[in-house]
Amino acid sequence: MDENLRKHIEALRTWLTTVAEIREPIAGLSSEERLQLKKINRAIEELKRLQVNVPEGLIRLKLDLATKDNHYSDADIDFWQIDLDEMVQSLKELLKTTRQLRDRFSKRCIQKGSKKHYAVSLLDLIKHGYLSTSNKLELQWLKDGDVYEGKICPDGSIIVKTPTGSKEYKSISTAASDISGRSLNGWKHWLLVNQNGSRTPLIDIRTRYLKNME
């Protein structure tokens, strides 16, 4: 773990431990009022647990009792304010560090090609000349199984001929999965029909595109 990140987390843990040790003030309230405050606190916690809006009157009553119960000095409050400001600053630094780590890992993923791999669409291949709207595509997921013809649209979607008529899909994987009735990777099962009659899986065309884009 990054050393700066470790320091910030430790600062957060220390501050939370300090806050947890602060006890509810009990001076300033009568026994009856103190009992009433406890009941109000329990009622509010139960309402929140049930995801019910807490009545404003109940909140005001709690605040009135809590204000009357507060016997902390101005020096105590100033001390906690300084401590809180320092903690807020530490949290800002922690957030900055986590963002830097996120960006660092994101760049590594891009360099490995994982994000490029999943970001490619038929439209990208059309724009860069690897496919065209005049190409004929075929879908086949079982050897000697049914073959479905597809045509690429200018916007990168695909129109497929099915026994019930032509259907348009936004992605080749959606088309393959819907037609086959199972989860399929369209890049592996859609084939480009070449002029000489051979077939090229679209995943091979995508791989060639990614290599040339590096």
N, C-alpha and C. Protein backbone atom coordinates (compact mmCIF):
# COMPACT_ATOMS: atom_id res chain seq x y z
N MET A 1 0.85 -1.20 0.00
CA MET A 1 0.00 0.00 0.00
C MET A 1 0.88 1.25 0.00
N ASP A 2 0.44 2.27 -0.74
CA ASP A 2 1.17 3.53 -0.78
C ASP A 2 1.35 4.09 0.64
N GLU A 3 2.58 4.58 0.97
CA GLU A 3 2.87 5.03 2.32
C GLU A 3 2.01 6.23 2.71
N ASN A 4 1.81 7.16 1.79
CA ASN A 4 0.96 8.32 2.10
C ASN A 4 -0.47 7.88 2.37
N LEU A 5 -0.95 6.92 1.59
CA LEU A 5 -2.30 6.41 1.80
C LEU A 5 -2.41 5.75 3.17
N ARG A 6 -1.38 5.01 3.56
CA ARG A 6 -1.38 4.35 4.86
C ARG A 6 -1.45 5.38 5.99
N LYS A 7 -0.69 6.47 5.85
CA LYS A 7 -0.69 7.52 6.87
C LYS A 7 -2.07 8.17 7.01
N HIS A 8 -2.71 8.43 5.88
CA HIS A 8 -4.02 9.06 5.92
C HIS A 8 -5.05 8.15 6.57
N ILE A 9 -4.99 6.87 6.24
CA ILE A 9 -5.94 5.93 6.85
C ILE A 9 -5.72 5.84 8.35
N GLU A 10 -4.45 5.85 8.76
CA GLU A 10 -4.14 5.78 10.18
C GLU A 10 -4.62 7.04 10.90
N ALA A 11 -4.49 8.20 10.23
CA ALA A 11 -4.98 9.45 10.82
C ALA A 11 -6.50 9.39 11.00
N LEU A 12 -7.19 8.85 10.00
CA LEU A 12 -8.65 8.69 10.08
C LEU A 12 -9.03 7.77 11.23
N ARG A 13 -8.33 6.65 11.37
CA ARG A 13 -8.62 5.69 12.43
C ARG A 13 -8.41 6.33 13.82
N THR A 14 -7.32 7.08 13.96
CA THR A 14 -7.00 7.71 15.23
C THR A 14 -8.08 8.73 15.61
N TRP A 15 -8.48 9.53 14.64
CA TRP A 15 -9.49 10.56 14.93
C TRP A 15 -10.83 9.94 15.30
N LEU A 16 -11.23 8.91 14.57
CA LEU A 16 -12.50 8.25 14.87
C LEU A 16 -12.48 7.61 16.24
N THR A 17 -11.33 7.07 16.63
CA THR A 17 -11.20 6.48 17.96
C THR A 17 -11.36 7.54 19.03
N THR A 18 -10.78 8.72 18.77
CA THR A 18 -10.88 9.82 19.72
C THR A 18 -12.32 10.28 19.89
N VAL A 19 -13.00 10.41 18.75
CA VAL A 19 -14.39 10.85 18.79
C VAL A 19 -15.26 9.83 19.51
N ALA A 20 -14.99 8.56 19.29
CA ALA A 20 -15.78 7.50 19.92
C ALA A 20 -15.67 7.51 21.43
N GLU A 21 -14.57 8.05 21.96
CA GLU A 21 -14.35 8.07 23.40
C GLU A 21 -15.07 9.22 24.10
N ILE A 22 -15.62 10.15 23.30
CA ILE A 22 -16.34 11.28 23.89
C ILE A 22 -17.69 10.80 24.40
N ARG A 23 -17.99 10.96 25.63
CA ARG A 23 -19.23 10.50 26.22
C ARG A 23 -20.32 11.56 26.11
N GLU A 24 -21.54 11.11 26.08
CA GLU A 24 -22.67 12.03 26.06
C GLU A 24 -22.71 12.80 27.37
N PRO A 25 -22.81 14.12 27.33
CA PRO A 25 -22.88 14.88 28.56
C PRO A 25 -24.16 14.58 29.31
N ILE A 26 -24.06 14.52 30.60
CA ILE A 26 -25.24 14.19 31.41
C ILE A 26 -25.62 15.33 32.35
N ALA A 27 -24.76 16.34 32.47
CA ALA A 27 -25.08 17.45 33.38
C ALA A 27 -26.08 18.38 32.71
N GLY A 28 -26.92 19.04 33.51
CA GLY A 28 -27.84 20.04 32.99
C GLY A 28 -29.24 19.52 32.78
N LEU A 29 -29.45 18.22 32.83
CA LEU A 29 -30.78 17.65 32.66
C LEU A 29 -31.22 16.96 33.95
N SER A 30 -32.51 17.00 34.17
CA SER A 30 -33.06 16.25 35.30
C SER A 30 -33.12 14.78 34.91
N SER A 31 -33.35 13.92 35.87
CA SER A 31 -33.45 12.48 35.59
C SER A 31 -34.56 12.19 34.60
N GLU A 32 -35.68 12.91 34.77
CA GLU A 32 -36.80 12.70 33.87
C GLU A 32 -36.47 13.15 32.45
N GLU A 33 -35.79 14.31 32.32
CA GLU A 33 -35.42 14.81 31.00
C GLU A 33 -34.38 13.90 30.34
N ARG A 34 -33.46 13.38 31.16
CA ARG A 34 -32.44 12.49 30.62
C ARG A 34 -33.07 11.22 30.08
N LEU A 35 -34.07 10.71 30.79
CA LEU A 35 -34.79 9.52 30.34
C LEU A 35 -35.56 9.82 29.06
N GLN A 36 -36.15 11.01 29.01
CA GLN A 36 -36.88 11.41 27.82
C GLN A 36 -35.96 11.50 26.60
N LEU A 37 -34.75 12.04 26.79
CA LEU A 37 -33.78 12.15 25.71
C LEU A 37 -33.38 10.77 25.19
N LYS A 38 -33.19 9.82 26.11
CA LYS A 38 -32.84 8.46 25.70
C LYS A 38 -33.95 7.84 24.87
N LYS A 39 -35.22 8.06 25.29
CA LYS A 39 -36.35 7.51 24.56
C LYS A 39 -36.45 8.12 23.16
N ILE A 40 -36.20 9.43 23.09
CA ILE A 40 -36.25 10.11 21.80
C ILE A 40 -35.18 9.56 20.87
N ASN A 41 -33.96 9.39 21.41
CA ASN A 41 -32.86 8.86 20.60
C ASN A 41 -33.19 7.46 20.07
N ARG A 42 -33.79 6.62 20.94
CA ARG A 42 -34.15 5.28 20.51
C ARG A 42 -35.24 5.32 19.44
N ALA A 43 -36.20 6.23 19.61
CA ALA A 43 -37.29 6.36 18.64
C ALA A 43 -36.76 6.79 17.28
N ILE A 44 -35.83 7.76 17.29
CA ILE A 44 -35.25 8.25 16.04
C ILE A 44 -34.45 7.14 15.36
N GLU A 45 -33.67 6.40 16.12
CA GLU A 45 -32.89 5.30 15.54
C GLU A 45 -33.80 4.25 14.92
N GLU A 46 -34.93 3.94 15.58
CA GLU A 46 -35.86 2.95 15.07
C GLU A 46 -36.52 3.43 13.78
N LEU A 47 -36.89 4.70 13.73
CA LEU A 47 -37.50 5.26 12.53
C LEU A 47 -36.53 5.23 11.35
N LYS A 48 -35.26 5.57 11.63
CA LYS A 48 -34.26 5.52 10.57
C LYS A 48 -34.04 4.10 10.09
N ARG A 49 -34.05 3.15 11.04
CA ARG A 49 -33.86 1.76 10.66
C ARG A 49 -34.99 1.28 9.75
N LEU A 50 -36.20 1.76 10.02
CA LEU A 50 -37.36 1.40 9.21
C LEU A 50 -37.49 2.28 7.97
N GLN A 51 -36.52 3.20 7.79
CA GLN A 51 -36.50 4.11 6.64
C GLN A 51 -37.76 4.98 6.59
N VAL A 52 -38.15 5.44 7.79
CA VAL A 52 -39.30 6.33 7.91
C VAL A 52 -38.79 7.73 8.24
N ASN A 53 -39.39 8.74 7.62
CA ASN A 53 -38.97 10.11 7.89
C ASN A 53 -39.22 10.48 9.35
N VAL A 54 -38.21 11.05 9.97
CA VAL A 54 -38.32 11.45 11.38
C VAL A 54 -39.08 12.77 11.46
N PRO A 55 -40.15 12.85 12.25
CA PRO A 55 -40.92 14.09 12.38
C PRO A 55 -40.03 15.25 12.86
N GLU A 56 -40.26 16.43 12.28
CA GLU A 56 -39.46 17.60 12.64
C GLU A 56 -39.62 17.94 14.12
N GLY A 57 -40.83 17.75 14.65
CA GLY A 57 -41.07 18.06 16.06
C GLY A 57 -40.19 17.21 16.97
N LEU A 58 -40.01 15.95 16.60
CA LEU A 58 -39.17 15.05 17.39
C LEU A 58 -37.71 15.48 17.33
N ILE A 59 -37.28 15.91 16.15
CA ILE A 59 -35.90 16.38 16.00
C ILE A 59 -35.67 17.65 16.82
N ARG A 60 -36.66 18.59 16.78
CA ARG A 60 -36.52 19.83 17.55
C ARG A 60 -36.45 19.55 19.05
N LEU A 61 -37.27 18.61 19.50
CA LEU A 61 -37.28 18.27 20.92
C LEU A 61 -35.93 17.69 21.34
N LYS A 62 -35.37 16.86 20.49
CA LYS A 62 -34.06 16.29 20.80
C LYS A 62 -33.00 17.39 20.87
N LEU A 63 -33.05 18.32 19.90
CA LEU A 63 -32.08 19.40 19.87
C LEU A 63 -32.21 20.29 21.11
N ASP A 64 -33.45 20.55 21.51
CA ASP A 64 -33.66 21.39 22.70
C ASP A 64 -33.05 20.73 23.94
N LEU A 65 -33.29 19.44 24.08
CA LEU A 65 -32.75 18.73 25.25
C LEU A 65 -31.23 18.63 25.17
N ALA A 66 -30.70 18.35 23.95
CA ALA A 66 -29.25 18.21 23.79
C ALA A 66 -28.55 19.53 24.06
N THR A 67 -29.18 20.65 23.64
CA THR A 67 -28.58 21.97 23.89
C THR A 67 -28.55 22.26 25.39
N LYS A 68 -29.62 21.94 26.06
CA LYS A 68 -29.68 22.16 27.51
C LYS A 68 -28.69 21.28 28.24
N ASP A 69 -28.40 20.11 27.65
CA ASP A 69 -27.50 19.14 28.29
C ASP A 69 -26.03 19.46 28.04
N ASN A 70 -25.75 20.38 27.10
CA ASN A 70 -24.36 20.64 26.70
C ASN A 70 -23.64 21.48 27.76
N HIS A 71 -22.60 20.87 28.35
CA HIS A 71 -21.84 21.61 29.35
C HIS A 71 -20.37 21.75 28.97
N TYR A 72 -20.08 21.53 27.66
CA TYR A 72 -18.70 21.65 27.22
C TYR A 72 -18.29 23.13 27.20
N SER A 73 -17.04 23.38 27.50
CA SER A 73 -16.52 24.75 27.51
C SER A 73 -16.15 25.18 26.10
N ASP A 74 -15.97 26.50 25.94
CA ASP A 74 -15.54 27.01 24.65
C ASP A 74 -14.18 26.45 24.26
N ALA A 75 -13.33 26.23 25.24
CA ALA A 75 -11.99 25.67 24.97
C ALA A 75 -12.11 24.26 24.41
N ASP A 76 -13.04 23.48 24.98
CA ASP A 76 -13.26 22.12 24.47
C ASP A 76 -13.70 22.16 23.01
N ILE A 77 -14.66 23.04 22.73
CA ILE A 77 -15.20 23.14 21.37
C ILE A 77 -14.13 23.59 20.39
N ASP A 78 -13.32 24.59 20.80
CA ASP A 78 -12.24 25.06 19.93
C ASP A 78 -11.24 23.94 19.64
N PHE A 79 -10.95 23.12 20.65
CA PHE A 79 -10.00 22.03 20.48
C PHE A 79 -10.53 21.02 19.45
N TRP A 80 -11.82 20.67 19.60
CA TRP A 80 -12.41 19.71 18.68
C TRP A 80 -12.53 20.28 17.27
N GLN A 81 -12.75 21.60 17.18
CA GLN A 81 -12.85 22.25 15.87
C GLN A 81 -11.52 22.16 15.13
N ILE A 82 -10.43 22.42 15.85
CA ILE A 82 -9.10 22.32 15.25
C ILE A 82 -8.84 20.88 14.80
N ASP A 83 -9.20 19.94 15.66
CA ASP A 83 -8.99 18.53 15.35
C ASP A 83 -9.80 18.12 14.12
N LEU A 84 -11.04 18.65 14.05
CA LEU A 84 -11.90 18.34 12.93
C LEU A 84 -11.35 18.93 11.63
N ASP A 85 -10.85 20.16 11.68
CA ASP A 85 -10.27 20.79 10.50
C ASP A 85 -9.07 20.00 9.99
N GLU A 86 -8.25 19.51 10.92
CA GLU A 86 -7.09 18.71 10.52
C GLU A 86 -7.54 17.41 9.87
N MET A 87 -8.61 16.84 10.41
CA MET A 87 -9.11 15.59 9.85
C MET A 87 -9.68 15.80 8.46
N VAL A 88 -10.38 16.90 8.25
CA VAL A 88 -10.93 17.21 6.93
C VAL A 88 -9.81 17.34 5.92
N GLN A 89 -8.72 18.01 6.33
CA GLN A 89 -7.57 18.17 5.43
C GLN A 89 -6.96 16.81 5.10
N SER A 90 -6.88 15.94 6.10
CA SER A 90 -6.33 14.60 5.87
C SER A 90 -7.21 13.82 4.90
N LEU A 91 -8.53 13.98 5.04
CA LEU A 91 -9.44 13.30 4.14
C LEU A 91 -9.30 13.82 2.71
N LYS A 92 -9.05 15.11 2.56
CA LYS A 92 -8.83 15.68 1.22
C LYS A 92 -7.58 15.08 0.60
N GLU A 93 -6.53 14.96 1.40
CA GLU A 93 -5.29 14.37 0.90
C GLU A 93 -5.48 12.89 0.57
N LEU A 94 -6.30 12.21 1.40
CA LEU A 94 -6.59 10.80 1.15
C LEU A 94 -7.33 10.65 -0.17
N LEU A 95 -8.31 11.52 -0.41
CA LEU A 95 -9.08 11.47 -1.64
C LEU A 95 -8.18 11.72 -2.85
N LYS A 96 -7.27 12.69 -2.70
CA LYS A 96 -6.35 13.00 -3.79
C LYS A 96 -5.47 11.79 -4.10
N THR A 97 -4.98 11.13 -3.04
CA THR A 97 -4.12 9.98 -3.23
C THR A 97 -4.86 8.82 -3.89
N THR A 98 -6.10 8.58 -3.45
CA THR A 98 -6.87 7.48 -4.04
C THR A 98 -7.18 7.75 -5.52
N ARG A 99 -7.42 9.00 -5.86
CA ARG A 99 -7.65 9.34 -7.26
C ARG A 99 -6.40 9.11 -8.09
N GLN A 100 -5.24 9.46 -7.52
CA GLN A 100 -3.99 9.23 -8.24
C GLN A 100 -3.77 7.73 -8.47
N LEU A 101 -4.08 6.92 -7.43
CA LEU A 101 -3.94 5.47 -7.57
C LEU A 101 -4.89 4.93 -8.63
N ARG A 102 -6.13 5.44 -8.62
CA ARG A 102 -7.11 5.00 -9.60
C ARG A 102 -6.64 5.32 -11.01
N ASP A 103 -6.13 6.55 -11.21
CA ASP A 103 -5.64 6.94 -12.53
C ASP A 103 -4.44 6.10 -12.95
N ARG A 104 -3.57 5.78 -11.96
CA ARG A 104 -2.39 4.98 -12.28
C ARG A 104 -2.78 3.59 -12.75
N PHE A 105 -3.75 2.96 -12.04
CA PHE A 105 -4.19 1.63 -12.43
C PHE A 105 -4.95 1.67 -13.76
N SER A 106 -5.70 2.75 -13.98
CA SER A 106 -6.44 2.87 -15.24
C SER A 106 -5.49 2.94 -16.42
N LYS A 107 -4.40 3.69 -16.26
CA LYS A 107 -3.42 3.80 -17.34
C LYS A 107 -2.77 2.45 -17.62
N ARG A 108 -2.50 1.69 -16.56
CA ARG A 108 -1.90 0.37 -16.76
C ARG A 108 -2.83 -0.56 -17.52
N CYS A 109 -4.14 -0.48 -17.20
CA CYS A 109 -5.11 -1.32 -17.90
C CYS A 109 -5.16 -0.95 -19.38
N ILE A 110 -5.10 0.35 -19.66
CA ILE A 110 -5.14 0.79 -21.06
C ILE A 110 -3.90 0.32 -21.80
N GLN A 111 -2.73 0.39 -21.13
CA GLN A 111 -1.50 -0.05 -21.76
C GLN A 111 -1.53 -1.53 -22.08
N LYS A 112 -2.21 -2.31 -21.24
CA LYS A 112 -2.31 -3.75 -21.48
C LYS A 112 -3.34 -4.08 -22.56
N GLY A 113 -4.13 -3.09 -22.93
CA GLY A 113 -5.09 -3.29 -24.00
C GLY A 113 -6.47 -3.74 -23.54
N SER A 114 -6.67 -3.91 -22.23
CA SER A 114 -7.96 -4.43 -21.78
C SER A 114 -9.10 -3.47 -22.08
N LYS A 115 -8.87 -2.18 -21.88
CA LYS A 115 -9.95 -1.23 -22.13
C LYS A 115 -10.14 -1.02 -23.64
N LYS A 116 -9.05 -0.98 -24.39
CA LYS A 116 -9.17 -0.85 -25.84
C LYS A 116 -9.95 -2.04 -26.38
N HIS A 117 -9.67 -3.20 -25.81
CA HIS A 117 -10.28 -4.45 -26.27
C HIS A 117 -11.80 -4.36 -26.21
N TYR A 118 -12.34 -3.88 -25.13
CA TYR A 118 -13.78 -3.87 -24.95
C TYR A 118 -14.43 -2.61 -25.49
N ALA A 119 -13.64 -1.62 -25.86
CA ALA A 119 -14.22 -0.37 -26.34
C ALA A 119 -14.47 -0.40 -27.85
N VAL A 120 -13.93 -1.40 -28.54
CA VAL A 120 -14.05 -1.44 -30.00
C VAL A 120 -15.48 -1.80 -30.41
N SER A 121 -15.97 -1.11 -31.43
CA SER A 121 -17.30 -1.40 -31.96
C SER A 121 -17.21 -1.57 -33.47
N LEU A 122 -18.29 -2.06 -34.06
CA LEU A 122 -18.31 -2.17 -35.52
C LEU A 122 -18.11 -0.81 -36.19
N LEU A 123 -18.64 0.22 -35.55
CA LEU A 123 -18.51 1.57 -36.11
C LEU A 123 -17.04 1.99 -36.18
N ASP A 124 -16.25 1.60 -35.15
CA ASP A 124 -14.81 1.90 -35.18
C ASP A 124 -14.15 1.23 -36.37
N LEU A 125 -14.50 -0.02 -36.61
CA LEU A 125 -13.90 -0.77 -37.71
C LEU A 125 -14.32 -0.21 -39.06
N ILE A 126 -15.55 0.30 -39.13
CA ILE A 126 -16.01 0.93 -40.37
C ILE A 126 -15.24 2.23 -40.63
N LYS A 127 -15.11 3.05 -39.58
CA LYS A 127 -14.43 4.34 -39.73
C LYS A 127 -12.98 4.19 -40.16
N HIS A 128 -12.33 3.11 -39.73
CA HIS A 128 -10.92 2.91 -40.05
C HIS A 128 -10.70 1.96 -41.22
N GLY A 129 -11.75 1.62 -41.94
CA GLY A 129 -11.61 0.86 -43.17
C GLY A 129 -11.45 -0.64 -43.03
N TYR A 130 -11.70 -1.20 -41.84
CA TYR A 130 -11.56 -2.65 -41.66
C TYR A 130 -12.84 -3.39 -42.06
N LEU A 131 -13.96 -2.70 -42.06
CA LEU A 131 -15.24 -3.24 -42.49
C LEU A 131 -15.99 -2.16 -43.26
N SER A 132 -17.01 -2.58 -43.97
CA SER A 132 -17.86 -1.60 -44.67
C SER A 132 -19.29 -2.10 -44.64
N THR A 133 -20.21 -1.21 -44.97
CA THR A 133 -21.63 -1.58 -44.95
C THR A 133 -21.98 -2.53 -46.09
N SER A 134 -21.07 -2.71 -47.03
CA SER A 134 -21.32 -3.65 -48.13
C SER A 134 -20.89 -5.07 -47.79
N ASN A 135 -20.21 -5.24 -46.63
CA ASN A 135 -19.75 -6.57 -46.23
C ASN A 135 -20.93 -7.46 -45.82
N LYS A 136 -20.75 -8.74 -46.07
CA LYS A 136 -21.74 -9.73 -45.63
C LYS A 136 -21.18 -10.46 -44.42
N LEU A 137 -21.98 -10.58 -43.38
CA LEU A 137 -21.57 -11.28 -42.17
C LEU A 137 -22.43 -12.53 -41.99
N GLU A 138 -21.86 -13.51 -41.31
CA GLU A 138 -22.60 -14.72 -41.00
C GLU A 138 -22.39 -15.09 -39.54
N LEU A 139 -23.46 -15.56 -38.93
CA LEU A 139 -23.41 -16.00 -37.54
C LEU A 139 -23.58 -17.51 -37.48
N GLN A 140 -22.62 -18.17 -36.82
CA GLN A 140 -22.72 -19.62 -36.62
C GLN A 140 -22.02 -19.97 -35.33
N TRP A 141 -22.74 -20.61 -34.40
CA TRP A 141 -22.13 -20.93 -33.10
C TRP A 141 -21.95 -22.43 -32.90
N LEU A 142 -22.54 -23.25 -33.80
CA LEU A 142 -22.34 -24.69 -33.74
C LEU A 142 -21.83 -25.19 -35.08
N LYS A 143 -20.86 -26.10 -35.05
CA LYS A 143 -20.35 -26.66 -36.29
C LYS A 143 -21.49 -27.38 -37.01
N ASP A 144 -21.64 -27.08 -38.28
CA ASP A 144 -22.72 -27.63 -39.10
C ASP A 144 -24.10 -27.19 -38.60
N GLY A 145 -24.12 -26.13 -37.77
CA GLY A 145 -25.40 -25.62 -37.27
C GLY A 145 -25.99 -24.59 -38.21
N ASP A 146 -27.09 -23.98 -37.79
CA ASP A 146 -27.75 -22.95 -38.60
C ASP A 146 -26.83 -21.76 -38.81
N VAL A 147 -26.96 -21.13 -39.96
CA VAL A 147 -26.19 -19.95 -40.30
C VAL A 147 -27.15 -18.79 -40.54
N TYR A 148 -26.86 -17.64 -39.91
CA TYR A 148 -27.70 -16.45 -40.06
C TYR A 148 -26.88 -15.34 -40.73
N GLU A 149 -27.50 -14.70 -41.69
CA GLU A 149 -26.84 -13.62 -42.42
C GLU A 149 -27.06 -12.29 -41.72
N GLY A 150 -26.03 -11.46 -41.75
CA GLY A 150 -26.12 -10.14 -41.15
C GLY A 150 -25.56 -9.06 -42.06
N LYS A 151 -26.07 -7.85 -41.89
CA LYS A 151 -25.60 -6.71 -42.67
C LYS A 151 -25.31 -5.55 -41.72
N ILE A 152 -24.16 -4.91 -41.93
CA ILE A 152 -23.75 -3.81 -41.06
C ILE A 152 -24.44 -2.51 -41.50
N CYS A 153 -24.98 -1.79 -40.53
CA CYS A 153 -25.60 -0.50 -40.81
C CYS A 153 -24.57 0.62 -40.66
N PRO A 154 -24.80 1.78 -41.26
CA PRO A 154 -23.86 2.90 -41.16
C PRO A 154 -23.57 3.36 -39.74
N ASP A 155 -24.52 3.15 -38.81
CA ASP A 155 -24.31 3.59 -37.43
C ASP A 155 -23.62 2.54 -36.57
N GLY A 156 -23.23 1.40 -37.19
CA GLY A 156 -22.52 0.37 -36.44
C GLY A 156 -23.44 -0.71 -35.88
N SER A 157 -24.73 -0.58 -36.08
CA SER A 157 -25.65 -1.65 -35.65
C SER A 157 -25.65 -2.74 -36.72
N ILE A 158 -26.40 -3.81 -36.48
CA ILE A 158 -26.41 -4.92 -37.43
C ILE A 158 -27.84 -5.40 -37.62
N ILE A 159 -28.19 -5.70 -38.88
CA ILE A 159 -29.50 -6.25 -39.21
C ILE A 159 -29.32 -7.72 -39.56
N VAL A 160 -30.09 -8.58 -38.91
CA VAL A 160 -29.95 -10.02 -39.09
C VAL A 160 -31.23 -10.61 -39.67
N LYS A 161 -31.05 -11.50 -40.64
CA LYS A 161 -32.20 -12.21 -41.20
C LYS A 161 -32.51 -13.42 -40.33
N THR A 162 -33.74 -13.47 -39.82
CA THR A 162 -34.16 -14.59 -38.98
C THR A 162 -35.43 -15.21 -39.58
N PRO A 163 -35.80 -16.39 -39.13
CA PRO A 163 -37.03 -17.03 -39.66
C PRO A 163 -38.28 -16.18 -39.48
N THR A 164 -38.27 -15.29 -38.50
CA THR A 164 -39.44 -14.45 -38.24
C THR A 164 -39.31 -13.06 -38.86
N GLY A 165 -38.25 -12.84 -39.62
CA GLY A 165 -38.04 -11.54 -40.24
C GLY A 165 -36.73 -10.90 -39.82
N SER A 166 -36.41 -9.76 -40.40
CA SER A 166 -35.16 -9.07 -40.10
C SER A 166 -35.26 -8.35 -38.76
N LYS A 167 -34.17 -8.41 -38.00
CA LYS A 167 -34.09 -7.74 -36.72
C LYS A 167 -32.81 -6.90 -36.65
N GLU A 168 -32.93 -5.73 -36.02
CA GLU A 168 -31.77 -4.86 -35.88
C GLU A 168 -31.28 -4.90 -34.44
N TYR A 169 -29.96 -4.99 -34.27
CA TYR A 169 -29.34 -5.05 -32.95
C TYR A 169 -28.25 -3.99 -32.85
N LYS A 170 -28.08 -3.47 -31.66
CA LYS A 170 -27.07 -2.45 -31.43
C LYS A 170 -25.66 -3.03 -31.36
N SER A 171 -25.54 -4.29 -30.97
CA SER A 171 -24.21 -4.91 -30.89
C SER A 171 -24.28 -6.33 -31.42
N ILE A 172 -23.12 -6.84 -31.86
CA ILE A 172 -23.07 -8.18 -32.43
C ILE A 172 -23.22 -9.24 -31.35
N SER A 173 -22.78 -8.95 -30.12
CA SER A 173 -22.94 -9.92 -29.04
C SER A 173 -24.40 -10.04 -28.63
N THR A 174 -25.12 -8.92 -28.60
CA THR A 174 -26.55 -8.95 -28.30
C THR A 174 -27.29 -9.75 -29.35
N ALA A 175 -26.93 -9.54 -30.61
CA ALA A 175 -27.56 -10.29 -31.71
C ALA A 175 -27.29 -11.77 -31.58
N ALA A 176 -26.03 -12.15 -31.34
CA ALA A 176 -25.66 -13.56 -31.24
C ALA A 176 -26.37 -14.23 -30.07
N SER A 177 -26.43 -13.56 -28.94
CA SER A 177 -27.05 -14.14 -27.75
C SER A 177 -28.56 -14.28 -27.92
N ASP A 178 -29.20 -13.28 -28.53
CA ASP A 178 -30.64 -13.31 -28.71
C ASP A 178 -31.06 -14.40 -29.69
N ILE A 179 -30.33 -14.52 -30.78
CA ILE A 179 -30.69 -15.49 -31.81
C ILE A 179 -30.39 -16.92 -31.37
N SER A 180 -29.28 -17.10 -30.67
CA SER A 180 -28.88 -18.45 -30.25
C SER A 180 -29.61 -18.92 -28.99
N GLY A 181 -30.10 -17.96 -28.21
CA GLY A 181 -30.76 -18.31 -26.96
C GLY A 181 -29.79 -18.65 -25.85
N ARG A 182 -28.53 -18.26 -26.01
CA ARG A 182 -27.51 -18.49 -25.00
C ARG A 182 -26.55 -17.31 -25.00
N SER A 183 -25.71 -17.20 -23.99
CA SER A 183 -24.76 -16.10 -23.90
C SER A 183 -23.58 -16.38 -24.83
N LEU A 184 -23.40 -15.52 -25.82
CA LEU A 184 -22.32 -15.70 -26.80
C LEU A 184 -21.52 -14.43 -26.96
N ASN A 185 -20.23 -14.59 -27.23
CA ASN A 185 -19.37 -13.48 -27.59
C ASN A 185 -19.48 -13.29 -29.10
N GLY A 186 -20.14 -12.22 -29.50
CA GLY A 186 -20.38 -12.00 -30.92
C GLY A 186 -19.12 -11.90 -31.75
N TRP A 187 -18.05 -11.39 -31.16
CA TRP A 187 -16.80 -11.24 -31.90
C TRP A 187 -16.24 -12.59 -32.34
N LYS A 188 -16.54 -13.64 -31.59
CA LYS A 188 -16.03 -14.97 -31.93
C LYS A 188 -16.92 -15.71 -32.92
N HIS A 189 -18.21 -15.42 -32.89
CA HIS A 189 -19.15 -16.22 -33.68
C HIS A 189 -19.67 -15.52 -34.94
N TRP A 190 -19.43 -14.21 -35.05
CA TRP A 190 -19.77 -13.55 -36.31
C TRP A 190 -18.56 -13.61 -37.23
N LEU A 191 -18.80 -13.95 -38.50
CA LEU A 191 -17.72 -14.13 -39.48
C LEU A 191 -17.91 -13.19 -40.65
N LEU A 192 -16.83 -12.64 -41.15
CA LEU A 192 -16.86 -11.83 -42.36
C LEU A 192 -16.72 -12.75 -43.56
N VAL A 193 -17.64 -12.65 -44.50
CA VAL A 193 -17.57 -13.46 -45.72
C VAL A 193 -16.70 -12.71 -46.72
N ASN A 194 -15.52 -13.27 -47.00
CA ASN A 194 -14.58 -12.63 -47.94
C ASN A 194 -15.00 -12.87 -49.38
N GLN A 195 -14.40 -12.10 -50.30
CA GLN A 195 -14.74 -12.21 -51.71
C GLN A 195 -14.41 -13.58 -52.29
N ASN A 196 -13.38 -14.24 -51.74
CA ASN A 196 -13.00 -15.57 -52.24
C ASN A 196 -13.81 -16.69 -51.60
N GLY A 197 -14.80 -16.32 -50.77
CA GLY A 197 -15.65 -17.31 -50.16
C GLY A 197 -15.20 -17.78 -48.78
N SER A 198 -14.01 -17.39 -48.36
CA SER A 198 -13.52 -17.78 -47.04
C SER A 198 -14.19 -16.92 -45.97
N ARG A 199 -14.04 -17.34 -44.72
CA ARG A 199 -14.63 -16.62 -43.59
C ARG A 199 -13.54 -16.18 -42.62
N THR A 200 -13.70 -14.97 -42.09
CA THR A 200 -12.76 -14.44 -41.09
C THR A 200 -13.54 -14.04 -39.85
N PRO A 201 -13.26 -14.63 -38.69
CA PRO A 201 -13.93 -14.21 -37.46
C PRO A 201 -13.69 -12.73 -37.19
N LEU A 202 -14.71 -12.03 -36.74
CA LEU A 202 -14.56 -10.60 -36.47
C LEU A 202 -13.55 -10.33 -35.37
N ILE A 203 -13.33 -11.32 -34.48
CA ILE A 203 -12.35 -11.12 -33.41
C ILE A 203 -10.94 -10.97 -33.99
N ASP A 204 -10.67 -11.64 -35.14
CA ASP A 204 -9.36 -11.51 -35.79
C ASP A 204 -9.21 -10.13 -36.41
N ILE A 205 -10.30 -9.61 -36.96
CA ILE A 205 -10.25 -8.27 -37.55
C ILE A 205 -10.06 -7.23 -36.45
N ARG A 206 -10.74 -7.44 -35.33
CA ARG A 206 -10.59 -6.52 -34.20
C ARG A 206 -9.17 -6.54 -33.65
N THR A 207 -8.59 -7.73 -33.55
CA THR A 207 -7.21 -7.85 -33.06
C THR A 207 -6.25 -7.10 -33.99
N ARG A 208 -6.44 -7.22 -35.28
CA ARG A 208 -5.59 -6.51 -36.24
C ARG A 208 -5.73 -5.01 -36.08
N TYR A 209 -6.95 -4.56 -35.87
CA TYR A 209 -7.23 -3.13 -35.66
C TYR A 209 -6.51 -2.62 -34.41
N LEU A 210 -6.61 -3.38 -33.31
CA LEU A 210 -5.98 -2.95 -32.05
C LEU A 210 -4.46 -2.88 -32.16
N LYS A 211 -3.87 -3.83 -32.86
CA LYS A 211 -2.41 -3.84 -33.02
C LYS A 211 -1.96 -2.62 -33.81
N ASN A 212 -2.72 -2.25 -34.81
CA ASN A 212 -2.36 -1.09 -35.63
C ASN A 212 -2.60 0.23 -34.90
N MET A 213 -3.46 0.19 -33.87
CA MET A 213 -3.75 1.41 -33.12
C MET A 213 -2.75 1.66 -32.00
N GLU A 214 -1.91 0.67 -31.67
CA GLU A 214 -0.93 0.84 -30.58
C GLU A 214 0.16 1.83 -30.95
